């Protein structure tokens, strides 16, 4: 029985047209058989790559560094090339952000020689001047290398060698973090030491004005005007002259201390003026207000500069 060459339906003997699709019949059983054979043909498609030992031809699985059949050590040409390319890209990176991205996105190789080479490369790129984000990226990559080595390295000698290189790299990374911390602490101390004279002078003035105001409040009656009050007012005027230049330094401590000294002065004077009708206290308060305005204005101007 013939078969339609268009839709595959069976045709009655002698039929010139297909009863199903209406196509003209070839009328040749051979053509129908060739169509049937063509439609039943199967194709085999291969996906991926088969990795074999170059010495004995044994099929190798993932993370295998030594052939399980003949003991041949597998060396990866592609991995070595990618590691060299990574090293060149790291050296030519224009910014720390690019270096951090390269380190975080680089796939850790599988072969033993490349794992060791990567550890040596990472250790050589960690210096005392390495930025914190780059150190963090290397630390993350070290943990990945450690996990990859547990899968790839089987021989005890290789594991011992890896542990030695790994511990050296980790110690260097830890030492680099300590160096950066020490540098930050040193720069802070240098900054403080450069402004130490200004801090001492401002602190001495703040203490002197607070002590003078306290003594005035305790030893002066409501009607008198003593030389001690005059000394207090002169101290306030002196502060308005010398304190603003002391705040022109890198540290904000002199400005902070001077502000605290003024607040203490007002905190002691205002209640005393409210309790006693004393010309001396009122004069000190007026001088303190004027000097505070001058000091704060000059400190503000120096800040803008």
Protein backbone atom coordinates (compact mmCIF):
# COMPACT_ATOMS: atom_id res chain seq x y z
CA UNK A 1 0.00 0.00 0.00
CA UNK A 2 1.27 3.45 -0.96
CA UNK A 3 1.75 6.32 1.50
CA UNK A 4 1.14 9.99 0.83
CA UNK A 5 4.47 11.81 0.47
CA UNK A 6 3.03 14.99 2.03
CA UNK A 7 1.09 13.94 5.10
CA UNK A 8 2.06 10.25 5.46
CA UNK A 9 -1.47 8.87 5.21
CA UNK A 10 -2.01 5.46 3.65
CA UNK A 11 -3.44 5.54 0.12
CA UNK A 12 -5.71 2.93 -1.45
CA UNK A 13 -4.18 1.00 -4.30
CA UNK A 14 -4.36 2.95 -7.52
CA UNK A 15 -5.37 6.23 -5.86
CA UNK A 16 -3.97 9.31 -7.62
CA UNK A 17 -4.80 11.79 -4.83
CA UNK A 18 -4.55 11.60 -1.06
CA UNK A 19 -7.92 11.33 0.62
CA UNK A 20 -6.60 13.22 3.66
CA UNK A 21 -4.71 16.25 2.27
CA UNK A 22 -5.59 16.10 -1.43
CA UNK A 23 -1.98 15.96 -2.58
CA UNK A 24 -1.25 14.15 -5.81
CA UNK A 25 0.05 10.69 -5.25
CA UNK A 26 3.42 9.77 -6.68
CA UNK A 27 2.04 6.35 -7.24
CA UNK A 28 5.41 4.79 -6.44
CA UNK A 29 5.76 2.60 -3.37
CA UNK A 30 9.53 3.19 -3.44
CA UNK A 31 9.06 6.93 -2.97
CA UNK A 32 6.71 6.28 -0.07
CA UNK A 33 9.23 3.98 1.55
CA UNK A 34 12.04 6.51 1.12
CA UNK A 35 9.84 9.17 2.77
CA UNK A 36 9.11 6.85 5.66
CA UNK A 37 12.78 6.02 6.08
CA UNK A 38 13.76 9.71 5.93
CA UNK A 39 11.33 10.68 8.67
CA UNK A 40 12.45 7.88 10.98
CA UNK A 41 16.15 8.79 10.81
CA UNK A 42 17.77 9.64 14.21
CA UNK A 43 20.62 12.01 14.92
CA UNK A 44 23.11 11.90 17.79
CA UNK A 45 24.22 15.28 19.17
CA UNK A 46 27.20 15.52 21.55
CA UNK A 47 27.26 18.20 24.24
CA UNK A 48 30.25 19.41 26.26
CA UNK A 49 33.81 18.12 26.31
CA UNK A 50 35.35 14.80 27.30
CA UNK A 51 38.58 15.24 29.21
CA UNK A 52 41.02 12.34 28.86
CA UNK A 53 44.43 11.61 30.24
CA UNK A 54 47.04 12.50 27.59
CA UNK A 55 49.11 9.50 28.65
CA UNK A 56 46.65 6.57 28.81
CA UNK A 57 43.36 7.98 27.52
CA UNK A 58 41.43 7.47 30.76
CA UNK A 59 38.34 9.72 31.04
CA UNK A 60 38.92 12.27 33.79
CA UNK A 61 36.35 13.82 36.09
CA UNK A 62 36.25 17.34 37.44
CA UNK A 63 38.90 18.56 39.92
CA UNK A 64 41.24 15.68 39.02
CA UNK A 65 44.91 16.63 39.14
CA UNK A 66 46.37 13.11 38.74
CA UNK A 67 45.16 10.35 36.42
CA UNK A 68 43.65 7.56 38.58
CA UNK A 69 44.83 4.89 36.10
CA UNK A 70 48.44 5.74 35.29
CA UNK A 71 49.25 8.47 37.83
CA UNK A 72 50.05 11.08 35.17
CA UNK A 73 49.98 14.63 36.58
CA UNK A 74 47.46 16.78 34.72
CA UNK A 75 48.73 20.23 33.79
CA UNK A 76 46.28 22.77 32.41
CA UNK A 77 47.54 24.94 29.58
CA UNK A 78 44.30 26.91 29.42
CA UNK A 79 44.30 27.54 33.15
CA UNK A 80 47.91 28.72 33.09
CA UNK A 81 47.09 31.09 30.25
CA UNK A 82 44.09 32.49 32.11
CA UNK A 83 46.20 32.95 35.23
CA UNK A 84 48.81 34.85 33.23
CA UNK A 85 46.08 36.99 31.69
CA UNK A 86 44.66 37.67 35.16
CA UNK A 87 48.09 38.75 36.39
CA UNK A 88 48.53 41.14 33.46
CA UNK A 89 45.03 42.57 33.89
CA UNK A 90 45.65 43.09 37.60
CA UNK A 91 48.89 44.94 36.89
CA UNK A 92 47.25 47.16 34.25
CA UNK A 93 44.11 47.98 36.24
CA UNK A 94 43.54 51.73 36.36
CA UNK A 95 41.74 51.91 39.71
CA UNK A 96 41.22 50.00 42.94
CA UNK A 97 37.62 49.30 41.93
CA UNK A 98 38.82 47.49 38.80
CA UNK A 99 41.36 45.47 40.80
CA UNK A 100 38.71 44.48 43.32
CA UNK A 101 36.34 43.41 40.53
CA UNK A 102 39.08 41.38 38.80
CA UNK A 103 39.98 39.55 42.01
CA UNK A 104 36.40 38.77 43.00
CA UNK A 105 35.36 37.57 39.52
CA UNK A 106 38.41 35.46 38.68
CA UNK A 107 37.57 31.72 38.72
CA UNK A 108 39.98 29.71 40.84
CA UNK A 109 41.79 27.13 38.63
CA UNK A 110 41.51 23.39 39.17
CA UNK A 111 45.05 22.13 38.52
CA UNK A 112 47.61 21.77 41.27
CA UNK A 113 50.24 23.97 39.68
CA UNK A 114 47.73 26.74 39.02
CA UNK A 115 46.40 26.64 42.59
CA UNK A 116 49.94 27.03 43.92
CA UNK A 117 50.70 29.73 41.35
CA UNK A 118 47.56 31.63 42.30
CA UNK A 119 48.53 31.62 45.99
CA UNK A 120 52.01 32.94 45.14
CA UNK A 121 50.50 35.59 42.88
CA UNK A 122 48.03 36.69 45.57
CA UNK A 123 50.72 36.83 48.24
CA UNK A 124 53.01 38.94 46.05
CA UNK A 125 50.20 41.45 45.37
CA UNK A 126 49.49 42.09 49.06
CA UNK A 127 51.65 44.89 50.39
CA UNK A 128 51.46 47.38 53.23
CA UNK A 129 49.90 49.91 50.85
CA UNK A 130 47.06 47.67 49.69
CA UNK A 131 43.62 49.25 50.08
CA UNK A 132 41.13 47.67 52.47
CA UNK A 133 38.61 46.68 49.78
CA UNK A 134 41.36 44.88 47.81
CA UNK A 135 42.47 43.04 50.94
CA UNK A 136 38.87 41.96 51.56
CA UNK A 137 38.63 40.68 47.98
CA UNK A 138 41.83 38.63 48.41
CA UNK A 139 40.51 37.26 51.71
CA UNK A 140 37.33 36.04 49.98
CA UNK A 141 39.38 34.50 47.16
CA UNK A 142 41.65 32.75 49.69
CA UNK A 143 38.63 30.97 51.14
CA UNK A 144 37.61 29.88 47.63
CA UNK A 145 41.11 28.56 46.97
CA UNK A 146 41.01 26.61 50.21
CA UNK A 147 37.72 24.94 49.25
CA UNK A 148 38.98 24.19 45.73
CA UNK A 149 42.20 22.68 47.10
CA UNK A 150 40.22 20.29 49.31
CA UNK A 151 38.57 18.91 46.16
CA UNK A 152 41.55 18.98 43.80
CA UNK A 153 44.50 17.94 45.97
CA UNK A 154 44.62 14.32 47.09
CA UNK A 155 48.27 13.60 47.82
CA UNK A 156 49.46 14.34 51.34
CA UNK A 157 52.60 16.07 50.05
CA UNK A 158 50.52 18.42 47.91
CA UNK A 159 48.21 19.18 50.81
CA UNK A 160 51.17 19.95 53.07
CA UNK A 161 52.70 22.25 50.47
CA UNK A 162 49.37 23.99 49.92
CA UNK A 163 48.84 24.50 53.65
CA UNK A 164 52.29 26.03 53.95
CA UNK A 165 51.69 28.49 51.10
CA UNK A 166 48.17 29.19 52.30
CA UNK A 167 49.27 30.00 55.86
CA UNK A 168 52.03 32.26 54.56
CA UNK A 169 49.55 34.16 52.39
CA UNK A 170 47.06 34.48 55.26
CA UNK A 171 49.75 35.75 57.63
CA UNK A 172 50.82 38.32 55.07
CA UNK A 173 47.23 39.46 54.64
CA UNK A 174 46.75 39.74 58.42
CA UNK A 175 50.03 41.59 58.79
CA UNK A 176 48.97 43.98 56.02
CA UNK A 177 45.77 44.78 57.93
CA UNK A 178 47.78 45.49 61.08
CA UNK A 179 50.13 47.75 59.11
CA UNK A 180 47.20 49.77 57.75
CA UNK A 181 45.68 50.04 61.23
CA UNK A 182 49.00 51.23 62.63
CA UNK A 183 49.34 53.78 59.84
CA UNK A 184 45.88 55.16 60.55
CA UNK A 185 46.65 55.38 64.26
CA UNK A 186 49.97 57.06 63.48
CA UNK A 187 48.38 59.63 61.21
CA UNK A 188 45.80 60.37 63.92
CA UNK A 189 48.53 60.84 66.53
CA UNK A 190 50.48 63.09 64.17
CA UNK A 191 47.37 65.15 63.63
CA UNK A 192 46.81 65.41 67.37
CA UNK A 193 50.46 66.23 68.05
CA UNK A 194 50.45 68.99 65.46
CA UNK A 195 47.52 70.65 67.22
CA UNK A 196 48.66 69.79 70.77
CA UNK A 197 49.92 73.31 71.62
CA UNK A 198 46.61 74.82 70.49
CA UNK A 199 44.70 72.26 72.56
CA UNK A 200 46.79 73.00 75.67
CA UNK A 201 46.42 76.79 75.37
CA UNK A 202 42.66 76.57 74.75
CA UNK A 203 42.19 74.12 77.62
CA UNK A 204 44.23 76.32 79.98
CA UNK A 205 42.14 79.38 79.11
CA UNK A 206 38.85 77.46 79.56
CA UNK A 207 39.96 76.18 82.96
CA UNK A 208 41.18 79.62 84.06
CA UNK A 209 37.94 81.39 83.12
CA UNK A 210 35.85 78.70 84.84
CA UNK A 211 37.96 78.91 88.03
CA UNK A 212 37.87 82.73 88.10
CA UNK A 213 34.10 82.83 87.69
CA UNK A 214 33.65 80.25 90.48
CA UNK A 215 35.88 82.24 92.83
CA UNK A 216 34.03 85.46 92.00
CA UNK A 217 30.69 83.83 92.72
CA UNK A 218 31.85 82.62 96.14
CA UNK A 219 33.93 85.53 97.46
CA UNK A 220 32.27 88.70 96.14
CA UNK A 221 29.21 90.17 97.82
CA UNK A 222 26.23 91.62 96.01
CA UNK A 223 27.31 95.23 96.15
CA UNK A 224 31.07 95.19 95.80
CA UNK A 225 33.35 95.25 92.83
CA UNK A 226 36.68 93.55 93.43
CA UNK A 227 39.93 93.33 91.48
CA UNK A 228 39.12 89.62 90.98
CA UNK A 229 36.17 90.55 88.81
CA UNK A 230 38.45 92.82 86.80
CA UNK A 231 40.88 89.94 86.30
CA UNK A 232 38.00 87.77 85.12
CA UNK A 233 36.95 90.34 82.55
CA UNK A 234 40.55 90.73 81.36
CA UNK A 235 40.77 86.93 80.99
CA UNK A 236 37.63 86.97 78.82
CA UNK A 237 39.08 89.74 76.64
CA UNK A 238 42.38 87.86 76.37
CA UNK A 239 40.48 84.75 75.26
CA UNK A 240 38.68 86.72 72.53
CA UNK A 241 42.11 87.74 71.20
CA UNK A 242 44.19 84.56 71.43
CA UNK A 243 41.69 81.67 71.23
CA UNK A 244 40.39 82.09 67.63
CA UNK A 245 43.91 81.72 66.13
CA UNK A 246 44.32 78.56 68.20
CA UNK A 247 41.35 76.97 66.40
CA UNK A 248 42.99 77.29 62.98
CA UNK A 249 44.42 73.79 62.93
CA UNK A 250 43.51 70.37 61.59
CA UNK A 251 41.94 69.22 64.84
CA UNK A 252 38.52 70.39 66.01
CA UNK A 253 39.48 69.93 69.67
CA UNK A 254 40.52 73.58 70.36
CA UNK A 255 37.23 74.86 69.00
CA UNK A 256 35.30 72.30 71.02
CA UNK A 257 37.17 73.14 74.24
CA UNK A 258 36.69 76.89 73.76
CA UNK A 259 32.96 76.42 73.22
CA UNK A 260 32.68 74.32 76.38
CA UNK A 261 34.57 76.99 78.33
CA UNK A 262 32.14 79.69 77.21
CA UNK A 263 29.14 77.54 78.08
CA UNK A 264 30.52 76.88 81.57
CA UNK A 265 31.17 80.58 82.04
CA UNK A 266 27.59 81.50 81.12
CA UNK A 267 26.22 78.63 83.16
CA UNK A 268 27.90 80.04 86.26
CA UNK A 269 27.23 83.74 85.64
CA UNK A 270 23.58 83.79 84.59
CA UNK A 271 22.16 82.21 87.80
CA UNK A 272 24.37 84.51 89.94
CA UNK A 273 23.15 87.63 88.11
CA UNK A 274 19.55 86.50 88.61
CA UNK A 275 20.03 85.93 92.35
CA UNK A 276 22.00 89.08 93.24
CA UNK A 277 21.71 92.60 91.98
CA UNK A 278 25.44 93.09 91.53
CA UNK A 279 27.03 95.53 89.12
CA UNK A 280 30.18 93.45 89.08
CA UNK A 281 28.42 90.27 87.94
CA UNK A 282 26.44 92.14 85.31
CA UNK A 283 29.61 93.72 83.94
CA UNK A 284 31.31 90.31 83.75
CA UNK A 285 28.26 88.90 81.97
CA UNK A 286 28.23 91.75 79.44
CA UNK A 287 31.94 91.35 78.76
CA UNK A 288 31.45 87.56 78.45
CA UNK A 289 28.67 88.02 75.88
CA UNK A 290 30.73 90.46 73.81
CA UNK A 291 33.84 88.26 73.94
CA UNK A 292 31.81 85.14 73.09
CA UNK A 293 30.35 86.85 70.01
CA UNK A 294 33.82 87.93 68.89
CA UNK A 295 35.33 84.48 69.51
CA UNK A 296 32.58 82.53 67.76
CA UNK A 297 32.58 84.91 64.79
CA UNK A 298 36.34 84.66 64.35
CA UNK A 299 36.27 80.88 64.75
CA UNK A 300 33.51 80.64 62.16
CA UNK A 301 35.46 82.79 59.72
CA UNK A 302 38.58 80.72 60.21
CA UNK A 303 36.53 77.60 59.50
CA UNK A 304 35.34 78.99 56.19
CA UNK A 305 38.92 79.73 55.18
